[in-house]
Every structure is written in structure tokens, then in C-alpha cells.
Amino acid sequence: MMYLRRIIVVAIAVMALLSLSVSLAAAQDPANGQALWEGQMWQCAQCHGKEAQGKFGRPLSNSTA
């Protein structure tokens, strides 16, 4: 039982690190970031807003509108 719990914790940690690395890689290139946003907008928009203006997550756009 303890072994299974450890596997689950490690798997969650790995998934969190992988999602962070994808976000950091996209942040380096605006074109890649836009492609990532358009491909996963339904997921990203929940925290960052439909126009990337910020909601629960930080704003991703440079616009002030």
C-alpha cells in the first residue's frame, strides 16, 4: 500500500514538472506560445481568461484592454 502511494506521488510530481517545462519552453518564443494557447485554449483560458488578460492566473498578453 505504501509502495503504491509513493508511485502515485512520484507520477504526480513528474507530470507537474513536465507541464512546467512545456510552459517555460513556450514562454521563450511568442509564436510557440500562441500555438500552444490556440491548441489548448479551453484549458488555458480557465485560469488566464479568454483573451489571456488574467483571471486566476497571471496575464499572458501585453495588452492593457
PDB file of N, CA and C in Angstrom:
ATOM      1  N   MET A   1       0.824  -1.198   0.000  1.00  0.00           N
ATOM      2  CA  MET A   1       0.000   0.000   0.000  1.00  0.00           C
ATOM      3  C   MET A   1       0.869   1.263   0.000  1.00  0.00           C
ATOM      4  N   MET A   2       1.902   1.265   0.815  1.00  0.00           N
ATOM      5  CA  MET A   2       2.790   2.421   0.873  1.00  0.00           C
ATOM      6  C   MET A   2       3.540   2.573  -0.442  1.00  0.00           C
ATOM      7  N   TYR A   3       3.885   1.451  -1.075  1.00  0.00           N
ATOM      8  CA  TYR A   3       4.590   1.478  -2.354  1.00  0.00           C
ATOM      9  C   TYR A   3       3.714   2.119  -3.428  1.00  0.00           C
ATOM     10  N   LEU A   4       2.445   1.768  -3.451  1.00  0.00           N
ATOM     11  CA  LEU A   4       1.512   2.337  -4.425  1.00  0.00           C
ATOM     12  C   LEU A   4       1.355   3.841  -4.206  1.00  0.00           C
ATOM     13  N   ARG A   5       1.268   4.258  -2.977  1.00  0.00           N
ATOM     14  CA  ARG A   5       1.146   5.683  -2.668  1.00  0.00           C
ATOM     15  C   ARG A   5       2.386   6.442  -3.138  1.00  0.00           C
ATOM     16  N   ARG A   6       3.550   5.866  -2.958  1.00  0.00           N
ATOM     17  CA  ARG A   6       4.794   6.505  -3.391  1.00  0.00           C
ATOM     18  C   ARG A   6       4.831   6.633  -4.910  1.00  0.00           C
ATOM     19  N   ILE A   7       4.376   5.613  -5.614  1.00  0.00           N
ATOM     20  CA  ILE A   7       4.335   5.660  -7.077  1.00  0.00           C
ATOM     21  C   ILE A   7       3.397   6.776  -7.544  1.00  0.00           C
ATOM     22  N   ILE A   8       2.260   6.904  -6.912  1.00  0.00           N
ATOM     23  CA  ILE A   8       1.301   7.942  -7.285  1.00  0.00           C
ATOM     24  C   ILE A   8       1.887   9.329  -7.052  1.00  0.00           C
ATOM     25  N   VAL A   9       2.547   9.531  -5.921  1.00  0.00           N
ATOM     26  CA  VAL A   9       3.153  10.834  -5.619  1.00  0.00           C
ATOM     27  C   VAL A   9       4.239  11.170  -6.629  1.00  0.00           C
ATOM     28  N   VAL A  10       5.071  10.202  -6.971  1.00  0.00           N
ATOM     29  CA  VAL A  10       6.136  10.427  -7.954  1.00  0.00           C
ATOM     30  C   VAL A  10       5.532  10.737  -9.322  1.00  0.00           C
ATOM     31  N   ALA A  11       4.490  10.023  -9.714  1.00  0.00           N
ATOM     32  CA  ALA A  11       3.852  10.265 -11.010  1.00  0.00           C
ATOM     33  C   ALA A  11       3.264  11.675 -11.075  1.00  0.00           C
ATOM     34  N   ILE A  12       2.640  12.123 -10.014  1.00  0.00           N
ATOM     35  CA  ILE A  12       2.078  13.479  -9.982  1.00  0.00           C
ATOM     36  C   ILE A  12       3.187  14.516 -10.072  1.00  0.00           C
ATOM     37  N   ALA A  13       4.285  14.284  -9.363  1.00  0.00           N
ATOM     38  CA  ALA A  13       5.411  15.223  -9.410  1.00  0.00           C
ATOM     39  C   ALA A  13       6.009  15.299 -10.809  1.00  0.00           C
ATOM     40  N   VAL A  14       6.141  14.169 -11.473  1.00  0.00           N
ATOM     41  CA  VAL A  14       6.690  14.146 -12.833  1.00  0.00           C
ATOM     42  C   VAL A  14       5.769  14.893 -13.790  1.00  0.00           C
ATOM     43  N   MET A  15       4.464  14.666 -13.681  1.00  0.00           N
ATOM     44  CA  MET A  15       3.523  15.368 -14.558  1.00  0.00           C
ATOM     45  C   MET A  15       3.569  16.875 -14.319  1.00  0.00           C
ATOM     46  N   ALA A  16       3.699  17.294 -13.072  1.00  0.00           N
ATOM     47  CA  ALA A  16       3.778  18.726 -12.769  1.00  0.00           C
ATOM     48  C   ALA A  16       5.035  19.336 -13.373  1.00  0.00           C
ATOM     49  N   LEU A  17       6.152  18.647 -13.260  1.00  0.00           N
ATOM     50  CA  LEU A  17       7.401  19.154 -13.834  1.00  0.00           C
ATOM     51  C   LEU A  17       7.339  19.211 -15.353  1.00  0.00           C
ATOM     52  N   LEU A  18       6.725  18.220 -15.972  1.00  0.00           N
ATOM     53  CA  LEU A  18       6.605  18.227 -17.429  1.00  0.00           C
ATOM     54  C   LEU A  18       5.719  19.372 -17.908  1.00  0.00           C
ATOM     55  N   SER A  19       4.630  19.621 -17.223  1.00  0.00           N
ATOM     56  CA  SER A  19       3.764  20.728 -17.639  1.00  0.00           C
ATOM     57  C   SER A  19       4.467  22.065 -17.441  1.00  0.00           C
ATOM     58  N   LEU A  20       5.276  22.178 -16.413  1.00  0.00           N
ATOM     59  CA  LEU A  20       6.041  23.401 -16.195  1.00  0.00           C
ATOM     60  C   LEU A  20       7.069  23.603 -17.297  1.00  0.00           C
ATOM     61  N   SER A  21       7.722  22.527 -17.707  1.00  0.00           N
ATOM     62  CA  SER A  21       8.737  22.657 -18.755  1.00  0.00           C
ATOM     63  C   SER A  21       8.109  23.061 -20.084  1.00  0.00           C
ATOM     64  N   VAL A  22       6.911  22.582 -20.389  1.00  0.00           N
ATOM     65  CA  VAL A  22       6.216  22.983 -21.610  1.00  0.00           C
ATOM     66  C   VAL A  22       5.880  24.465 -21.546  1.00  0.00           C
ATOM     67  N   SER A  23       5.418  24.927 -20.406  1.00  0.00           N
ATOM     68  CA  SER A  23       5.087  26.340 -20.247  1.00  0.00           C
ATOM     69  C   SER A  23       6.318  27.221 -20.380  1.00  0.00           C
ATOM     70  N   LEU A  24       7.417  26.818 -19.785  1.00  0.00           N
ATOM     71  CA  LEU A  24       8.644  27.609 -19.866  1.00  0.00           C
ATOM     72  C   LEU A  24       9.200  27.633 -21.280  1.00  0.00           C
ATOM     73  N   ALA A  25       9.112  26.518 -21.979  1.00  0.00           N
ATOM     74  CA  ALA A  25       9.607  26.475 -23.356  1.00  0.00           C
ATOM     75  C   ALA A  25       8.774  27.383 -24.254  1.00  0.00           C
ATOM     76  N   ALA A  26       7.474  27.378 -24.072  1.00  0.00           N
ATOM     77  CA  ALA A  26       6.606  28.225 -24.887  1.00  0.00           C
ATOM     78  C   ALA A  26       6.826  29.698 -24.571  1.00  0.00           C
ATOM     79  N   ALA A  27       7.196  30.010 -23.343  1.00  0.00           N
ATOM     80  CA  ALA A  27       7.406  31.400 -22.949  1.00  0.00           C
ATOM     81  C   ALA A  27       8.615  32.012 -23.646  1.00  0.00           C
ATOM     82  N   GLN A  28       9.511  31.202 -24.152  1.00  0.00           N
ATOM     83  CA  GLN A  28      10.710  31.702 -24.800  1.00  0.00           C
ATOM     84  C   GLN A  28      10.440  32.191 -26.215  1.00  0.00           C
ATOM     85  N   ASP A  29       9.420  31.661 -26.858  1.00  0.00           N
ATOM     86  CA  ASP A  29       9.125  32.004 -28.245  1.00  0.00           C
ATOM     87  C   ASP A  29       7.641  32.357 -28.372  1.00  0.00           C
ATOM     88  N   PRO A  30       7.318  33.623 -28.660  1.00  0.00           N
ATOM     89  CA  PRO A  30       5.910  34.024 -28.741  1.00  0.00           C
ATOM     90  C   PRO A  30       5.092  33.205 -29.739  1.00  0.00           C
ATOM     91  N   ALA A  31       5.677  32.823 -30.863  1.00  0.00           N
ATOM     92  CA  ALA A  31       4.932  32.036 -31.855  1.00  0.00           C
ATOM     93  C   ALA A  31       4.576  30.665 -31.289  1.00  0.00           C
ATOM     94  N   ASN A  32       5.509  30.045 -30.575  1.00  0.00           N
ATOM     95  CA  ASN A  32       5.214  28.752 -29.950  1.00  0.00           C
ATOM     96  C   ASN A  32       4.168  28.905 -28.855  1.00  0.00           C
ATOM     97  N   GLY A  33       4.269  29.993 -28.098  1.00  0.00           N
ATOM     98  CA  GLY A  33       3.282  30.245 -27.050  1.00  0.00           C
ATOM     99  C   GLY A  33       1.885  30.423 -27.619  1.00  0.00           C
ATOM    100  N   GLN A  34       1.789  31.131 -28.735  1.00  0.00           N
ATOM    101  CA  GLN A  34       0.489  31.328 -29.371  1.00  0.00           C
ATOM    102  C   GLN A  34      -0.059  30.003 -29.886  1.00  0.00           C
ATOM    103  N   ALA A  35       0.783  29.192 -30.483  1.00  0.00           N
ATOM    104  CA  ALA A  35       0.335  27.890 -30.985  1.00  0.00           C
ATOM    105  C   ALA A  35      -0.126  27.002 -29.833  1.00  0.00           C
ATOM    106  N   LEU A  36       0.598  27.038 -28.730  1.00  0.00           N
ATOM    107  CA  LEU A  36       0.207  26.258 -27.558  1.00  0.00           C
ATOM    108  C   LEU A  36      -1.130  26.751 -27.021  1.00  0.00           C
ATOM    109  N   TRP A  37      -1.296  28.074 -26.940  1.00  0.00           N
ATOM    110  CA  TRP A  37      -2.553  28.668 -26.458  1.00  0.00           C
ATOM    111  C   TRP A  37      -3.717  28.247 -27.345  1.00  0.00           C
ATOM    112  N   GLU A  38      -3.548  28.357 -28.653  1.00  0.00           N
ATOM    113  CA  GLU A  38      -4.630  28.019 -29.579  1.00  0.00           C
ATOM    114  C   GLU A  38      -4.959  26.536 -29.535  1.00  0.00           C
ATOM    115  N   GLY A  39      -3.971  25.704 -29.288  1.00  0.00           N
ATOM    116  CA  GLY A  39      -4.204  24.266 -29.221  1.00  0.00           C
ATOM    117  C   GLY A  39      -4.866  23.827 -27.928  1.00  0.00           C
ATOM    118  N   GLN A  40      -4.667  24.579 -26.850  1.00  0.00           N
ATOM    119  CA  GLN A  40      -5.197  24.182 -25.547  1.00  0.00           C
ATOM    120  C   GLN A  40      -5.998  25.304 -24.900  1.00  0.00           C
ATOM    121  N   MET A  41      -6.612  26.154 -25.713  1.00  0.00           N
ATOM    122  CA  MET A  41      -7.279  27.335 -25.171  1.00  0.00           C
ATOM    123  C   MET A  41      -8.324  26.987 -24.123  1.00  0.00           C
ATOM    124  N   TRP A  42      -9.071  25.930 -24.329  1.00  0.00           N
ATOM    125  CA  TRP A  42     -10.114  25.560 -23.376  1.00  0.00           C
ATOM    126  C   TRP A  42      -9.532  25.331 -21.994  1.00  0.00           C
ATOM    127  N   GLN A  43      -8.314  24.840 -21.938  1.00  0.00           N
ATOM    128  CA  GLN A  43      -7.672  24.568 -20.654  1.00  0.00           C
ATOM    129  C   GLN A  43      -6.998  25.832 -20.112  1.00  0.00           C
ATOM    130  N   CYS A  44      -6.274  26.548 -20.938  1.00  0.00           N
ATOM    131  CA  CYS A  44      -5.526  27.742 -20.510  1.00  0.00           C
ATOM    132  C   CYS A  44      -6.463  28.869 -20.090  1.00  0.00           C
ATOM    133  N   ALA A  45      -7.558  29.029 -20.827  1.00  0.00           N
ATOM    134  CA  ALA A  45      -8.469  30.149 -20.591  1.00  0.00           C
ATOM    135  C   ALA A  45      -9.165  30.059 -19.239  1.00  0.00           C
ATOM    136  N   GLN A  46      -9.237  28.893 -18.657  1.00  0.00           N
ATOM    137  CA  GLN A  46      -9.888  28.771 -17.357  1.00  0.00           C
ATOM    138  C   GLN A  46      -9.170  29.594 -16.294  1.00  0.00           C
ATOM    139  N   CYS A  47      -7.856  29.669 -16.364  1.00  0.00           N
ATOM    140  CA  CYS A  47      -7.091  30.453 -15.379  1.00  0.00           C
ATOM    141  C   CYS A  47      -6.653  31.812 -15.909  1.00  0.00           C
ATOM    142  N   HIS A  48      -6.360  31.892 -17.195  1.00  0.00           N
ATOM    143  CA  HIS A  48      -5.785  33.112 -17.756  1.00  0.00           C
ATOM    144  C   HIS A  48      -6.806  33.990 -18.474  1.00  0.00           C
ATOM    145  N   GLY A  49      -8.065  33.564 -18.573  1.00  0.00           N
ATOM    146  CA  GLY A  49      -9.104  34.337 -19.253  1.00  0.00           C
ATOM    147  C   GLY A  49      -9.114  34.071 -20.747  1.00  0.00           C
ATOM    148  N   LYS A  50     -10.254  34.327 -21.383  1.00  0.00           N
ATOM    149  CA  LYS A  50     -10.401  34.041 -22.816  1.00  0.00           C
ATOM    150  C   LYS A  50      -9.474  34.867 -23.687  1.00  0.00           C
ATOM    151  N   GLU A  51      -9.136  36.062 -23.245  1.00  0.00           N
ATOM    152  CA  GLU A  51      -8.251  36.939 -24.017  1.00  0.00           C
ATOM    153  C   GLU A  51      -6.854  36.998 -23.408  1.00  0.00           C
ATOM    154  N   ALA A  52      -6.525  36.063 -22.533  1.00  0.00           N
ATOM    155  CA  ALA A  52      -5.226  35.986 -21.846  1.00  0.00           C
ATOM    156  C   ALA A  52      -4.963  37.214 -20.981  1.00  0.00           C
ATOM    157  N   GLN A  53      -6.033  37.858 -20.519  1.00  0.00           N
ATOM    158  CA  GLN A  53      -5.901  39.079 -19.738  1.00  0.00           C
ATOM    159  C   GLN A  53      -5.639  38.792 -18.262  1.00  0.00           C
ATOM    160  N   GLY A  54      -5.768  37.559 -17.863  1.00  0.00           N
ATOM    161  CA  GLY A  54      -5.580  37.200 -16.463  1.00  0.00           C
ATOM    162  C   GLY A  54      -6.919  37.004 -15.781  1.00  0.00           C
ATOM    163  N   LYS A  55      -7.017  35.963 -15.015  1.00  0.00           N
ATOM    164  CA  LYS A  55      -8.223  35.663 -14.266  1.00  0.00           C
ATOM    165  C   LYS A  55      -7.727  35.191 -12.907  1.00  0.00           C
ATOM    166  N   PHE A  56      -7.526  33.897 -12.731  1.00  0.00           N
ATOM    167  CA  PHE A  56      -6.867  33.371 -11.543  1.00  0.00           C
ATOM    168  C   PHE A  56      -5.360  33.314 -11.789  1.00  0.00           C
ATOM    169  N   GLY A  57      -4.997  33.032 -13.034  1.00  0.00           N
ATOM    170  CA  GLY A  57      -3.591  33.004 -13.433  1.00  0.00           C
ATOM    171  C   GLY A  57      -3.155  34.380 -13.901  1.00  0.00           C
ATOM    172  N   ARG A  58      -1.863  34.547 -14.058  1.00  0.00           N
ATOM    173  CA  ARG A  58      -1.335  35.853 -14.460  1.00  0.00           C
ATOM    174  C   ARG A  58      -1.692  36.157 -15.910  1.00  0.00           C
ATOM    175  N   PRO A  59      -1.725  37.441 -16.285  1.00  0.00           N
ATOM    176  CA  PRO A  59      -1.990  37.812 -17.678  1.00  0.00           C
ATOM    177  C   PRO A  59      -0.877  37.304 -18.592  1.00  0.00           C
ATOM    178  N   LEU A  60      -1.258  36.853 -19.757  1.00  0.00           N
ATOM    179  CA  LEU A  60      -0.285  36.353 -20.725  1.00  0.00           C
ATOM    180  C   LEU A  60      -0.139  37.293 -21.908  1.00  0.00           C
ATOM    181  N   SER A  61      -1.009  38.276 -21.997  1.00  0.00           N
ATOM    182  CA  SER A  61      -0.943  39.213 -23.121  1.00  0.00           C
ATOM    183  C   SER A  61      -0.338  40.529 -22.655  1.00  0.00           C
ATOM    184  N   ASN A  62       0.182  41.284 -23.605  1.00  0.00           N
ATOM    185  CA  ASN A  62       0.770  42.581 -23.292  1.00  0.00           C
ATOM    186  C   ASN A  62      -0.241  43.710 -23.358  1.00  0.00           C
ATOM    187  N   SER A  63      -1.464  43.402 -23.785  1.00  0.00           N
ATOM    188  CA  SER A  63      -2.469  44.454 -23.926  1.00  0.00           C
ATOM    189  C   SER A  63      -2.990  44.875 -22.556  1.00  0.00           C
ATOM    190  N   THR A  64      -3.400  46.109 -22.457  1.00  0.00           N
ATOM    191  CA  THR A  64      -3.957  46.628 -21.207  1.00  0.00           C
ATOM    192  C   THR A  64      -5.466  46.748 -21.276  1.00  0.00           C
ATOM    193  N   ALA A  65      -6.060  46.313 -22.386  1.00  0.00           N
ATOM    194  CA  ALA A  65      -7.511  46.423 -22.563  1.00  0.00           C
ATOM    195  C   ALA A  65      -8.232  45.359 -21.784  1.00  0.00           C
TER     196      ALA A  65
END
